[in-house]
Amino acid sequence: MARVSREHLEARRRQILDGAITCFAHRGFHGTSMQHILTETGLSAGAVYRYFRSKDEMIAAILQEVVGTVGAAFAEIAEEEHPPDPGDVVAGVFLRTRRLLEARGIPLALVMEAWSEVARTPPLRALLVERLTEVLGAWERIIDRYRAAGRLPADVRSDRLARTLIGCAHGLLLQGAVLGPPVDEPEEGAAVLREGIAALIAMTPPATSPSPA
């Protein structure tokens, strides 16, 4: 019997995940049954269960791919001796992530639902916490490089600034899901982050009024 190639196994796994994403996007996580996924993929139960034992395992695989892409992007930047400005970093990773979501057919509304699902499902929450901890660590290394270059005061806490910058991207995803165009468009979202963060960084203290005589 011919051995099944790794490429075939990966293609079949991708087929199952793509079918699951289509179902999740139309029905939501809880509205999707395994039978829906079997029908969408055209595969037998045995073929699907060979790769994933449950919907939660499929959701975990989707989360792993998306958040793993984010983490890898930040990790690459963290290795640069002179990383780009914060607005460019956030905007670049945001755009890369949005393009992945579009390529996989994942709507922003499903991203928001995934956050809710993660919050009430301990194994998914543990996975996301682990991946986000890696992202925070990469951001802290980037911020440390800014500080070493004299671009930040010594007393700025890297962890707090990292959470703030990550929160900007998360917040814009939520706005895109709720408000729609134009903020839900990848390029517009990236521009909002790039220009908004740059503007905040460029702010100067208010002029001090002269003391009355």
N, C-alpha and C. Protein backbone atom coordinates (compact mmCIF):
# COMPACT_ATOMS: atom_id res chain seq x y z
N MET A 1 0.85 -1.20 0.00
CA MET A 1 0.00 0.00 0.00
C MET A 1 0.89 1.24 0.00
N ALA A 2 0.58 2.19 -0.88
CA ALA A 2 1.39 3.41 -0.97
C ALA A 2 1.23 4.25 0.29
N ARG A 3 2.34 4.81 0.73
CA ARG A 3 2.30 5.66 1.91
C ARG A 3 1.69 7.01 1.55
N VAL A 4 0.81 7.51 2.41
CA VAL A 4 0.19 8.81 2.17
C VAL A 4 1.22 9.90 2.44
N SER A 5 1.38 10.82 1.51
CA SER A 5 2.39 11.86 1.66
C SER A 5 1.98 12.89 2.70
N ARG A 6 2.98 13.58 3.22
CA ARG A 6 2.71 14.66 4.18
C ARG A 6 1.88 15.75 3.52
N GLU A 7 2.14 16.00 2.23
CA GLU A 7 1.39 17.03 1.51
C GLU A 7 -0.09 16.66 1.45
N HIS A 8 -0.37 15.37 1.22
CA HIS A 8 -1.77 14.94 1.16
C HIS A 8 -2.44 15.10 2.53
N LEU A 9 -1.73 14.73 3.58
CA LEU A 9 -2.29 14.86 4.93
C LEU A 9 -2.58 16.31 5.27
N GLU A 10 -1.64 17.20 4.91
CA GLU A 10 -1.84 18.62 5.20
C GLU A 10 -2.98 19.19 4.38
N ALA A 11 -3.09 18.75 3.12
CA ALA A 11 -4.18 19.23 2.27
C ALA A 11 -5.53 18.78 2.81
N ARG A 12 -5.61 17.56 3.30
CA ARG A 12 -6.86 17.07 3.87
C ARG A 12 -7.20 17.83 5.16
N ARG A 13 -6.19 18.08 5.98
CA ARG A 13 -6.41 18.85 7.21
C ARG A 13 -6.90 20.25 6.87
N ARG A 14 -6.30 20.86 5.84
CA ARG A 14 -6.71 22.19 5.42
C ARG A 14 -8.15 22.18 4.90
N GLN A 15 -8.50 21.12 4.18
CA GLN A 15 -9.86 20.98 3.66
C GLN A 15 -10.88 20.95 4.80
N ILE A 16 -10.55 20.22 5.84
CA ILE A 16 -11.47 20.13 6.99
C ILE A 16 -11.59 21.47 7.69
N LEU A 17 -10.46 22.14 7.92
CA LEU A 17 -10.51 23.44 8.60
C LEU A 17 -11.24 24.48 7.77
N ASP A 18 -11.01 24.47 6.46
CA ASP A 18 -11.70 25.43 5.60
C ASP A 18 -13.21 25.19 5.64
N GLY A 19 -13.60 23.91 5.63
CA GLY A 19 -15.02 23.60 5.72
C GLY A 19 -15.60 24.02 7.06
N ALA A 20 -14.84 23.81 8.13
CA ALA A 20 -15.31 24.22 9.46
C ALA A 20 -15.46 25.73 9.53
N ILE A 21 -14.50 26.46 8.98
CA ILE A 21 -14.57 27.93 8.99
C ILE A 21 -15.81 28.41 8.24
N THR A 22 -16.10 27.80 7.10
CA THR A 22 -17.29 28.17 6.34
C THR A 22 -18.55 27.97 7.18
N CYS A 23 -18.62 26.85 7.87
CA CYS A 23 -19.78 26.58 8.73
C CYS A 23 -19.84 27.55 9.91
N PHE A 24 -18.70 27.77 10.55
CA PHE A 24 -18.67 28.68 11.70
C PHE A 24 -19.08 30.09 11.27
N ALA A 25 -18.62 30.52 10.09
CA ALA A 25 -18.92 31.87 9.62
C ALA A 25 -20.41 32.05 9.36
N HIS A 26 -21.09 31.00 8.91
CA HIS A 26 -22.51 31.09 8.60
C HIS A 26 -23.41 30.79 9.79
N ARG A 27 -22.97 29.89 10.66
CA ARG A 27 -23.85 29.40 11.73
C ARG A 27 -23.36 29.75 13.13
N GLY A 28 -22.12 30.23 13.25
CA GLY A 28 -21.54 30.44 14.56
C GLY A 28 -20.99 29.13 15.11
N PHE A 29 -20.21 29.23 16.17
CA PHE A 29 -19.60 28.02 16.74
C PHE A 29 -20.66 27.07 17.30
N HIS A 30 -21.59 27.62 18.05
CA HIS A 30 -22.57 26.75 18.71
C HIS A 30 -23.66 26.28 17.76
N GLY A 31 -23.89 27.03 16.69
CA GLY A 31 -24.89 26.61 15.72
C GLY A 31 -24.39 25.58 14.72
N THR A 32 -23.09 25.32 14.76
CA THR A 32 -22.49 24.36 13.83
C THR A 32 -22.35 23.01 14.50
N SER A 33 -22.82 21.97 13.84
CA SER A 33 -22.66 20.60 14.34
C SER A 33 -21.57 19.91 13.52
N MET A 34 -21.10 18.79 14.02
CA MET A 34 -20.13 18.02 13.25
C MET A 34 -20.74 17.56 11.93
N GLN A 35 -22.05 17.29 11.93
CA GLN A 35 -22.70 16.88 10.69
C GLN A 35 -22.65 17.99 9.65
N HIS A 36 -22.80 19.24 10.09
CA HIS A 36 -22.68 20.36 9.16
C HIS A 36 -21.29 20.36 8.51
N ILE A 37 -20.28 20.11 9.31
CA ILE A 37 -18.90 20.12 8.79
C ILE A 37 -18.68 18.95 7.84
N LEU A 38 -19.22 17.80 8.18
CA LEU A 38 -19.10 16.64 7.29
C LEU A 38 -19.76 16.93 5.94
N THR A 39 -20.92 17.55 5.99
CA THR A 39 -21.63 17.88 4.75
C THR A 39 -20.85 18.90 3.93
N GLU A 40 -20.30 19.91 4.60
CA GLU A 40 -19.56 20.96 3.90
C GLU A 40 -18.30 20.42 3.24
N THR A 41 -17.60 19.53 3.93
CA THR A 41 -16.34 19.00 3.39
C THR A 41 -16.55 17.83 2.44
N GLY A 42 -17.71 17.16 2.55
CA GLY A 42 -17.95 15.98 1.73
C GLY A 42 -17.15 14.77 2.18
N LEU A 43 -16.69 14.80 3.43
CA LEU A 43 -15.88 13.71 3.96
C LEU A 43 -16.69 12.85 4.93
N SER A 44 -16.20 11.65 5.16
CA SER A 44 -16.85 10.77 6.12
C SER A 44 -16.46 11.16 7.54
N ALA A 45 -17.23 10.69 8.50
CA ALA A 45 -16.91 10.97 9.90
C ALA A 45 -15.53 10.43 10.25
N GLY A 46 -15.21 9.24 9.77
CA GLY A 46 -13.91 8.65 10.07
C GLY A 46 -12.77 9.49 9.54
N ALA A 47 -12.94 10.05 8.33
CA ALA A 47 -11.89 10.87 7.74
C ALA A 47 -11.66 12.14 8.56
N VAL A 48 -12.75 12.75 9.04
CA VAL A 48 -12.62 13.98 9.81
C VAL A 48 -12.06 13.70 11.20
N TYR A 49 -12.58 12.67 11.85
CA TYR A 49 -12.14 12.38 13.22
C TYR A 49 -10.70 11.88 13.27
N ARG A 50 -10.17 11.48 12.15
CA ARG A 50 -8.75 11.11 12.11
C ARG A 50 -7.87 12.32 12.43
N TYR A 51 -8.38 13.52 12.08
CA TYR A 51 -7.60 14.74 12.28
C TYR A 51 -8.06 15.53 13.50
N PHE A 52 -9.37 15.57 13.72
CA PHE A 52 -9.92 16.38 14.81
C PHE A 52 -11.01 15.58 15.52
N ARG A 53 -10.89 15.49 16.83
CA ARG A 53 -11.86 14.72 17.61
C ARG A 53 -13.09 15.52 17.99
N SER A 54 -13.04 16.84 17.82
CA SER A 54 -14.17 17.67 18.23
C SER A 54 -14.10 19.03 17.55
N LYS A 55 -15.18 19.79 17.67
CA LYS A 55 -15.19 21.16 17.16
C LYS A 55 -14.15 22.00 17.89
N ASP A 56 -14.01 21.78 19.20
CA ASP A 56 -13.04 22.58 19.96
C ASP A 56 -11.63 22.39 19.43
N GLU A 57 -11.30 21.19 18.98
CA GLU A 57 -9.97 20.98 18.41
C GLU A 57 -9.81 21.74 17.10
N MET A 58 -10.89 21.86 16.34
CA MET A 58 -10.83 22.65 15.11
C MET A 58 -10.67 24.13 15.43
N ILE A 59 -11.43 24.60 16.41
CA ILE A 59 -11.31 26.01 16.81
C ILE A 59 -9.90 26.29 17.30
N ALA A 60 -9.35 25.35 18.08
CA ALA A 60 -7.98 25.52 18.59
C ALA A 60 -6.98 25.60 17.44
N ALA A 61 -7.16 24.78 16.42
CA ALA A 61 -6.24 24.81 15.28
C ALA A 61 -6.33 26.13 14.53
N ILE A 62 -7.54 26.66 14.39
CA ILE A 62 -7.72 27.96 13.72
C ILE A 62 -7.07 29.07 14.54
N LEU A 63 -7.31 29.06 15.86
CA LEU A 63 -6.68 30.05 16.73
C LEU A 63 -5.16 29.97 16.66
N GLN A 64 -4.66 28.74 16.68
CA GLN A 64 -3.22 28.54 16.65
C GLN A 64 -2.61 29.16 15.39
N GLU A 65 -3.27 28.97 14.26
CA GLU A 65 -2.74 29.52 13.01
C GLU A 65 -2.75 31.04 13.03
N VAL A 66 -3.88 31.63 13.43
CA VAL A 66 -4.00 33.09 13.38
C VAL A 66 -3.08 33.75 14.40
N VAL A 67 -3.18 33.33 15.66
CA VAL A 67 -2.37 33.97 16.70
C VAL A 67 -0.90 33.60 16.53
N GLY A 68 -0.64 32.40 16.01
CA GLY A 68 0.74 32.02 15.74
C GLY A 68 1.37 32.91 14.69
N THR A 69 0.59 33.31 13.69
CA THR A 69 1.08 34.23 12.66
C THR A 69 1.43 35.58 13.27
N VAL A 70 0.56 36.06 14.16
CA VAL A 70 0.83 37.33 14.85
C VAL A 70 2.11 37.22 15.66
N GLY A 71 2.23 36.15 16.43
CA GLY A 71 3.41 35.97 17.27
C GLY A 71 4.69 35.89 16.47
N ALA A 72 4.66 35.17 15.34
CA ALA A 72 5.85 35.04 14.51
C ALA A 72 6.26 36.38 13.93
N ALA A 73 5.27 37.20 13.54
CA ALA A 73 5.58 38.51 12.98
C ALA A 73 6.27 39.40 14.02
N PHE A 74 5.73 39.43 15.23
CA PHE A 74 6.34 40.24 16.28
C PHE A 74 7.72 39.70 16.67
N ALA A 75 7.86 38.38 16.70
CA ALA A 75 9.15 37.78 17.06
C ALA A 75 10.23 38.18 16.05
N GLU A 76 9.87 38.22 14.77
CA GLU A 76 10.83 38.65 13.75
C GLU A 76 11.28 40.09 13.99
N ILE A 77 10.32 40.95 14.28
CA ILE A 77 10.64 42.37 14.50
C ILE A 77 11.48 42.54 15.76
N ALA A 78 11.20 41.72 16.77
CA ALA A 78 11.93 41.82 18.04
C ALA A 78 13.41 41.51 17.87
N GLU A 79 13.77 40.80 16.80
CA GLU A 79 15.18 40.47 16.57
C GLU A 79 15.92 41.59 15.84
N GLU A 80 15.18 42.57 15.34
CA GLU A 80 15.83 43.67 14.62
C GLU A 80 16.52 44.61 15.60
N GLU A 81 17.72 45.02 15.25
CA GLU A 81 18.46 45.92 16.14
C GLU A 81 17.78 47.28 16.24
N HIS A 82 17.22 47.73 15.12
CA HIS A 82 16.52 49.02 15.11
C HIS A 82 15.11 48.80 14.56
N PRO A 83 14.18 48.40 15.41
CA PRO A 83 12.82 48.12 14.94
C PRO A 83 12.13 49.38 14.44
N PRO A 84 11.14 49.24 13.55
CA PRO A 84 10.39 50.40 13.06
C PRO A 84 9.64 51.10 14.19
N ASP A 85 9.09 52.26 13.87
CA ASP A 85 8.28 52.98 14.85
C ASP A 85 7.09 52.12 15.29
N PRO A 86 6.59 52.32 16.52
CA PRO A 86 5.48 51.50 17.02
C PRO A 86 4.27 51.46 16.10
N GLY A 87 3.89 52.60 15.53
CA GLY A 87 2.74 52.62 14.64
C GLY A 87 2.95 51.75 13.42
N ASP A 88 4.17 51.75 12.89
CA ASP A 88 4.47 50.91 11.73
C ASP A 88 4.46 49.43 12.11
N VAL A 89 4.95 49.12 13.31
CA VAL A 89 4.95 47.73 13.76
C VAL A 89 3.53 47.21 13.90
N VAL A 90 2.69 47.96 14.63
CA VAL A 90 1.31 47.51 14.85
C VAL A 90 0.56 47.43 13.53
N ALA A 91 0.70 48.45 12.69
CA ALA A 91 -0.02 48.46 11.41
C ALA A 91 0.42 47.32 10.51
N GLY A 92 1.73 47.05 10.47
CA GLY A 92 2.23 45.98 9.61
C GLY A 92 1.73 44.62 10.02
N VAL A 93 1.76 44.33 11.32
CA VAL A 93 1.28 43.03 11.80
C VAL A 93 -0.24 42.94 11.66
N PHE A 94 -0.93 44.04 11.92
CA PHE A 94 -2.38 44.07 11.74
C PHE A 94 -2.75 43.73 10.30
N LEU A 95 -2.06 44.34 9.34
CA LEU A 95 -2.37 44.10 7.93
C LEU A 95 -2.07 42.66 7.55
N ARG A 96 -0.97 42.14 8.04
CA ARG A 96 -0.61 40.74 7.77
C ARG A 96 -1.68 39.80 8.32
N THR A 97 -2.17 40.11 9.51
CA THR A 97 -3.20 39.27 10.13
C THR A 97 -4.51 39.37 9.38
N ARG A 98 -4.91 40.59 9.01
CA ARG A 98 -6.16 40.76 8.28
C ARG A 98 -6.13 40.02 6.94
N ARG A 99 -5.00 40.04 6.28
CA ARG A 99 -4.90 39.34 5.00
C ARG A 99 -5.00 37.83 5.19
N LEU A 100 -4.46 37.33 6.29
CA LEU A 100 -4.60 35.91 6.59
C LEU A 100 -6.07 35.58 6.85
N LEU A 101 -6.75 36.42 7.62
CA LEU A 101 -8.17 36.19 7.90
C LEU A 101 -8.97 36.16 6.60
N GLU A 102 -8.68 37.09 5.71
CA GLU A 102 -9.39 37.12 4.43
C GLU A 102 -9.09 35.88 3.60
N ALA A 103 -7.82 35.47 3.59
CA ALA A 103 -7.44 34.29 2.81
C ALA A 103 -8.13 33.04 3.32
N ARG A 104 -8.37 32.98 4.62
CA ARG A 104 -9.01 31.81 5.22
C ARG A 104 -10.53 31.94 5.27
N GLY A 105 -11.06 33.08 4.84
CA GLY A 105 -12.50 33.27 4.86
C GLY A 105 -13.06 33.47 6.25
N ILE A 106 -12.27 34.07 7.14
CA ILE A 106 -12.70 34.29 8.52
C ILE A 106 -13.20 35.72 8.66
N PRO A 107 -14.51 35.94 8.83
CA PRO A 107 -15.02 37.30 8.99
C PRO A 107 -14.69 37.85 10.37
N LEU A 108 -14.69 39.18 10.49
CA LEU A 108 -14.37 39.80 11.77
C LEU A 108 -15.38 39.42 12.85
N ALA A 109 -16.63 39.23 12.46
CA ALA A 109 -17.64 38.83 13.44
C ALA A 109 -17.27 37.49 14.09
N LEU A 110 -16.66 36.60 13.31
CA LEU A 110 -16.26 35.30 13.86
C LEU A 110 -15.07 35.46 14.80
N VAL A 111 -14.21 36.44 14.51
CA VAL A 111 -13.09 36.72 15.42
C VAL A 111 -13.63 37.14 16.78
N MET A 112 -14.65 38.01 16.77
CA MET A 112 -15.24 38.45 18.03
C MET A 112 -15.90 37.29 18.77
N GLU A 113 -16.57 36.42 18.02
CA GLU A 113 -17.20 35.26 18.66
C GLU A 113 -16.14 34.33 19.25
N ALA A 114 -15.00 34.26 18.58
CA ALA A 114 -13.92 33.40 19.08
C ALA A 114 -13.44 33.88 20.44
N TRP A 115 -13.37 35.19 20.65
CA TRP A 115 -12.96 35.71 21.96
C TRP A 115 -13.93 35.25 23.04
N SER A 116 -15.23 35.30 22.75
CA SER A 116 -16.22 34.85 23.72
C SER A 116 -16.08 33.36 23.99
N GLU A 117 -15.85 32.60 22.93
CA GLU A 117 -15.70 31.15 23.07
C GLU A 117 -14.48 30.82 23.91
N VAL A 118 -13.41 31.54 23.68
CA VAL A 118 -12.17 31.33 24.43
C VAL A 118 -12.39 31.61 25.92
N ALA A 119 -13.14 32.67 26.21
CA ALA A 119 -13.34 33.07 27.61
C ALA A 119 -14.07 32.01 28.42
N ARG A 120 -14.92 31.20 27.76
CA ARG A 120 -15.70 30.21 28.52
C ARG A 120 -15.24 28.77 28.28
N THR A 121 -14.15 28.59 27.56
CA THR A 121 -13.65 27.24 27.29
C THR A 121 -12.20 27.14 27.77
N PRO A 122 -11.96 26.56 28.95
CA PRO A 122 -10.62 26.57 29.55
C PRO A 122 -9.48 26.12 28.63
N PRO A 123 -9.61 25.01 27.87
CA PRO A 123 -8.47 24.62 27.02
C PRO A 123 -8.15 25.66 25.95
N LEU A 124 -9.19 26.27 25.37
CA LEU A 124 -8.96 27.31 24.37
C LEU A 124 -8.34 28.55 25.02
N ARG A 125 -8.82 28.86 26.21
CA ARG A 125 -8.27 30.01 26.93
C ARG A 125 -6.79 29.79 27.24
N ALA A 126 -6.45 28.59 27.67
CA ALA A 126 -5.05 28.29 27.98
C ALA A 126 -4.17 28.45 26.74
N LEU A 127 -4.69 28.00 25.60
CA LEU A 127 -3.93 28.14 24.35
C LEU A 127 -3.72 29.60 24.01
N LEU A 128 -4.79 30.40 24.09
CA LEU A 128 -4.67 31.80 23.72
C LEU A 128 -3.78 32.56 24.70
N VAL A 129 -3.89 32.26 25.98
CA VAL A 129 -3.03 32.91 26.97
C VAL A 129 -1.56 32.62 26.66
N GLU A 130 -1.26 31.38 26.30
CA GLU A 130 0.13 31.02 25.98
C GLU A 130 0.63 31.80 24.77
N ARG A 131 -0.19 31.85 23.72
CA ARG A 131 0.23 32.56 22.51
C ARG A 131 0.33 34.07 22.74
N LEU A 132 -0.63 34.64 23.47
CA LEU A 132 -0.58 36.08 23.73
C LEU A 132 0.58 36.45 24.65
N THR A 133 0.93 35.55 25.55
CA THR A 133 2.10 35.79 26.40
C THR A 133 3.36 35.89 25.55
N GLU A 134 3.44 35.06 24.51
CA GLU A 134 4.58 35.13 23.59
C GLU A 134 4.58 36.46 22.84
N VAL A 135 3.39 36.91 22.41
CA VAL A 135 3.29 38.19 21.71
C VAL A 135 3.72 39.34 22.63
N LEU A 136 3.24 39.31 23.87
CA LEU A 136 3.62 40.34 24.83
C LEU A 136 5.13 40.34 25.06
N GLY A 137 5.71 39.15 25.16
CA GLY A 137 7.15 39.06 25.36
C GLY A 137 7.92 39.66 24.20
N ALA A 138 7.46 39.40 22.98
CA ALA A 138 8.12 39.97 21.80
C ALA A 138 8.00 41.49 21.81
N TRP A 139 6.81 41.99 22.15
CA TRP A 139 6.62 43.44 22.20
C TRP A 139 7.52 44.07 23.26
N GLU A 140 7.65 43.41 24.39
CA GLU A 140 8.50 43.96 25.44
C GLU A 140 9.95 44.05 24.98
N ARG A 141 10.40 43.07 24.20
CA ARG A 141 11.76 43.14 23.67
C ARG A 141 11.91 44.29 22.68
N ILE A 142 10.87 44.51 21.88
CA ILE A 142 10.90 45.65 20.95
C ILE A 142 10.98 46.96 21.73
N ILE A 143 10.16 47.07 22.77
CA ILE A 143 10.14 48.29 23.59
C ILE A 143 11.48 48.50 24.29
N ASP A 144 12.09 47.42 24.74
CA ASP A 144 13.41 47.53 25.37
C ASP A 144 14.44 48.10 24.38
N ARG A 145 14.29 47.74 23.11
CA ARG A 145 15.21 48.29 22.10
C ARG A 145 14.95 49.79 21.89
N TYR A 146 13.68 50.19 21.93
CA TYR A 146 13.38 51.62 21.86
C TYR A 146 14.05 52.35 23.02
N ARG A 147 13.94 51.77 24.22
CA ARG A 147 14.51 52.41 25.40
C ARG A 147 16.04 52.48 25.29
N ALA A 148 16.65 51.40 24.83
CA ALA A 148 18.11 51.38 24.69
C ALA A 148 18.59 52.42 23.69
N ALA A 149 17.74 52.74 22.71
CA ALA A 149 18.10 53.75 21.70
C ALA A 149 17.79 55.17 22.18
N GLY A 150 17.31 55.29 23.42
CA GLY A 150 17.01 56.60 23.96
C GLY A 150 15.69 57.18 23.50
N ARG A 151 14.79 56.32 23.02
CA ARG A 151 13.52 56.80 22.48
C ARG A 151 12.39 56.75 23.51
N LEU A 152 12.66 56.18 24.67
CA LEU A 152 11.65 56.08 25.72
C LEU A 152 12.27 56.44 27.06
N PRO A 153 11.50 57.05 27.96
CA PRO A 153 12.01 57.29 29.31
C PRO A 153 12.32 55.97 30.01
N ALA A 154 13.26 56.00 30.90
CA ALA A 154 13.69 54.77 31.58
C ALA A 154 12.60 54.19 32.46
N ASP A 155 11.67 55.03 32.93
CA ASP A 155 10.67 54.54 33.88
C ASP A 155 9.40 54.00 33.22
N VAL A 156 9.35 53.96 31.89
CA VAL A 156 8.18 53.41 31.20
C VAL A 156 8.20 51.89 31.34
N ARG A 157 7.09 51.32 31.83
CA ARG A 157 7.01 49.87 31.99
C ARG A 157 6.71 49.20 30.66
N SER A 158 7.60 48.30 30.25
CA SER A 158 7.45 47.65 28.96
C SER A 158 6.15 46.85 28.87
N ASP A 159 5.77 46.16 29.95
CA ASP A 159 4.58 45.31 29.89
C ASP A 159 3.31 46.14 29.69
N ARG A 160 3.23 47.30 30.34
CA ARG A 160 2.03 48.13 30.21
C ARG A 160 1.94 48.75 28.81
N LEU A 161 3.06 49.21 28.30
CA LEU A 161 3.05 49.78 26.95
C LEU A 161 2.73 48.70 25.92
N ALA A 162 3.27 47.50 26.12
CA ALA A 162 2.99 46.40 25.20
C ALA A 162 1.50 46.09 25.16
N ARG A 163 0.86 46.03 26.32
CA ARG A 163 -0.58 45.74 26.36
C ARG A 163 -1.39 46.86 25.70
N THR A 164 -0.94 48.09 25.86
CA THR A 164 -1.64 49.22 25.24
C THR A 164 -1.60 49.11 23.72
N LEU A 165 -0.42 48.83 23.18
CA LEU A 165 -0.27 48.77 21.73
C LEU A 165 -1.03 47.58 21.14
N ILE A 166 -0.99 46.44 21.82
CA ILE A 166 -1.77 45.28 21.36
C ILE A 166 -3.26 45.59 21.43
N GLY A 167 -3.66 46.28 22.50
CA GLY A 167 -5.06 46.64 22.66
C GLY A 167 -5.58 47.53 21.55
N CYS A 168 -4.72 48.37 20.99
CA CYS A 168 -5.14 49.22 19.86
C CYS A 168 -5.60 48.36 18.69
N ALA A 169 -4.83 47.32 18.38
CA ALA A 169 -5.19 46.44 17.26
C ALA A 169 -6.45 45.65 17.57
N HIS A 170 -6.55 45.12 18.80
CA HIS A 170 -7.74 44.37 19.17
C HIS A 170 -8.99 45.26 19.09
N GLY A 171 -8.86 46.48 19.58
CA GLY A 171 -9.99 47.40 19.55
C GLY A 171 -10.44 47.72 18.14
N LEU A 172 -9.48 47.84 17.22
CA LEU A 172 -9.85 48.16 15.84
C LEU A 172 -10.53 46.98 15.16
N LEU A 173 -10.14 45.76 15.53
CA LEU A 173 -10.85 44.59 15.01
C LEU A 173 -12.31 44.62 15.45
N LEU A 174 -12.54 44.98 16.71
CA LEU A 174 -13.91 45.07 17.21
C LEU A 174 -14.69 46.16 16.47
N GLN A 175 -14.06 47.31 16.27
CA GLN A 175 -14.73 48.38 15.52
C GLN A 175 -15.09 47.91 14.11
N GLY A 176 -14.17 47.21 13.48
CA GLY A 176 -14.44 46.73 12.13
C GLY A 176 -15.61 45.77 12.08
N ALA A 177 -15.70 44.89 13.09
CA ALA A 177 -16.79 43.92 13.13
C ALA A 177 -18.13 44.59 13.33
N VAL A 178 -18.15 45.66 14.13
CA VAL A 178 -19.41 46.32 14.48
C VAL A 178 -19.79 47.42 13.50
N LEU A 179 -18.81 48.24 13.11
CA LEU A 179 -19.10 49.43 12.31
C LEU A 179 -19.05 49.19 10.81
N GLY A 180 -18.29 48.20 10.39
CA GLY A 180 -18.19 47.93 8.95
C GLY A 180 -17.31 48.94 8.24
N PRO A 181 -17.58 49.19 6.93
CA PRO A 181 -16.72 50.08 6.15
C PRO A 181 -16.69 51.49 6.74
N PRO A 182 -15.56 52.21 6.59
CA PRO A 182 -14.33 51.73 5.94
C PRO A 182 -13.36 51.06 6.91
N VAL A 183 -13.67 51.11 8.22
CA VAL A 183 -12.67 50.66 9.19
C VAL A 183 -12.47 49.15 9.16
N ASP A 184 -13.39 48.40 8.53
CA ASP A 184 -13.21 46.96 8.45
C ASP A 184 -12.32 46.55 7.28
N GLU A 185 -11.89 47.51 6.48
CA GLU A 185 -11.02 47.21 5.35
C GLU A 185 -9.57 47.14 5.84
N PRO A 186 -8.82 46.09 5.48
CA PRO A 186 -7.47 45.91 6.02
C PRO A 186 -6.56 47.11 5.87
N GLU A 187 -6.50 47.69 4.67
CA GLU A 187 -5.58 48.81 4.45
C GLU A 187 -5.99 50.03 5.26
N GLU A 188 -7.31 50.28 5.35
CA GLU A 188 -7.78 51.42 6.14
C GLU A 188 -7.47 51.20 7.62
N GLY A 189 -7.69 49.99 8.10
CA GLY A 189 -7.38 49.70 9.50
C GLY A 189 -5.91 49.91 9.81
N ALA A 190 -5.05 49.45 8.90
CA ALA A 190 -3.61 49.63 9.10
C ALA A 190 -3.25 51.11 9.11
N ALA A 191 -3.88 51.90 8.22
CA ALA A 191 -3.60 53.33 8.18
C ALA A 191 -4.05 54.02 9.46
N VAL A 192 -5.22 53.62 9.98
CA VAL A 192 -5.71 54.19 11.24
C VAL A 192 -4.70 53.95 12.36
N LEU A 193 -4.21 52.73 12.46
CA LEU A 193 -3.25 52.41 13.52
C LEU A 193 -1.94 53.15 13.33
N ARG A 194 -1.43 53.15 12.11
CA ARG A 194 -0.14 53.80 11.85
C ARG A 194 -0.21 55.29 12.17
N GLU A 195 -1.22 55.96 11.64
CA GLU A 195 -1.31 57.41 11.81
C GLU A 195 -1.74 57.78 13.23
N GLY A 196 -2.64 56.99 13.81
CA GLY A 196 -3.11 57.30 15.16
C GLY A 196 -2.03 57.17 16.20
N ILE A 197 -1.28 56.06 16.15
CA ILE A 197 -0.20 55.87 17.12
C ILE A 197 0.90 56.89 16.91
N ALA A 198 1.22 57.20 15.64
CA ALA A 198 2.25 58.21 15.36
C ALA A 198 1.83 59.57 15.91
N ALA A 199 0.54 59.90 15.78
CA ALA A 199 0.06 61.19 16.29
C ALA A 199 0.16 61.27 17.80
N LEU A 200 -0.17 60.18 18.48
CA LEU A 200 -0.07 60.17 19.94
C LEU A 200 1.38 60.33 20.39
N ILE A 201 2.29 59.65 19.69
CA ILE A 201 3.70 59.75 20.05
C ILE A 201 4.22 61.17 19.84
N ALA A 202 3.67 61.85 18.83
CA ALA A 202 4.15 63.19 18.49
C ALA A 202 3.60 64.28 19.40
N MET A 203 2.64 63.94 20.27
CA MET A 203 2.06 64.95 21.14
C MET A 203 3.12 65.57 22.05
N THR A 204 2.96 66.84 22.30
CA THR A 204 3.89 67.56 23.18
C THR A 204 3.12 68.06 24.39
N PRO A 205 3.81 68.27 25.51
CA PRO A 205 3.12 68.80 26.70
C PRO A 205 2.53 70.17 26.41
N PRO A 206 1.43 70.51 27.05
CA PRO A 206 0.85 71.84 26.83
C PRO A 206 1.80 72.93 27.30
N ALA A 207 1.73 74.05 26.61
CA ALA A 207 2.59 75.17 26.98
C ALA A 207 2.22 75.65 28.38
N THR A 208 3.23 75.98 29.16
CA THR A 208 3.00 76.47 30.52
C THR A 208 2.66 77.95 30.48
N SER A 209 1.52 78.28 31.06
CA SER A 209 1.12 79.69 31.09
C SER A 209 2.03 80.46 32.05
N PRO A 210 2.39 81.68 31.68
CA PRO A 210 3.24 82.47 32.59
C PRO A 210 2.51 82.77 33.89
N SER A 211 3.24 82.77 34.96
CA SER A 211 2.64 83.07 36.26
C SER A 211 2.21 84.53 36.30
N PRO A 212 1.04 84.78 36.90
CA PRO A 212 0.59 86.18 36.99
C PRO A 212 1.56 87.00 37.82
N ALA A 213 1.72 88.21 37.42
CA ALA A 213 2.66 89.10 38.14
C ALA A 213 2.14 89.37 39.54
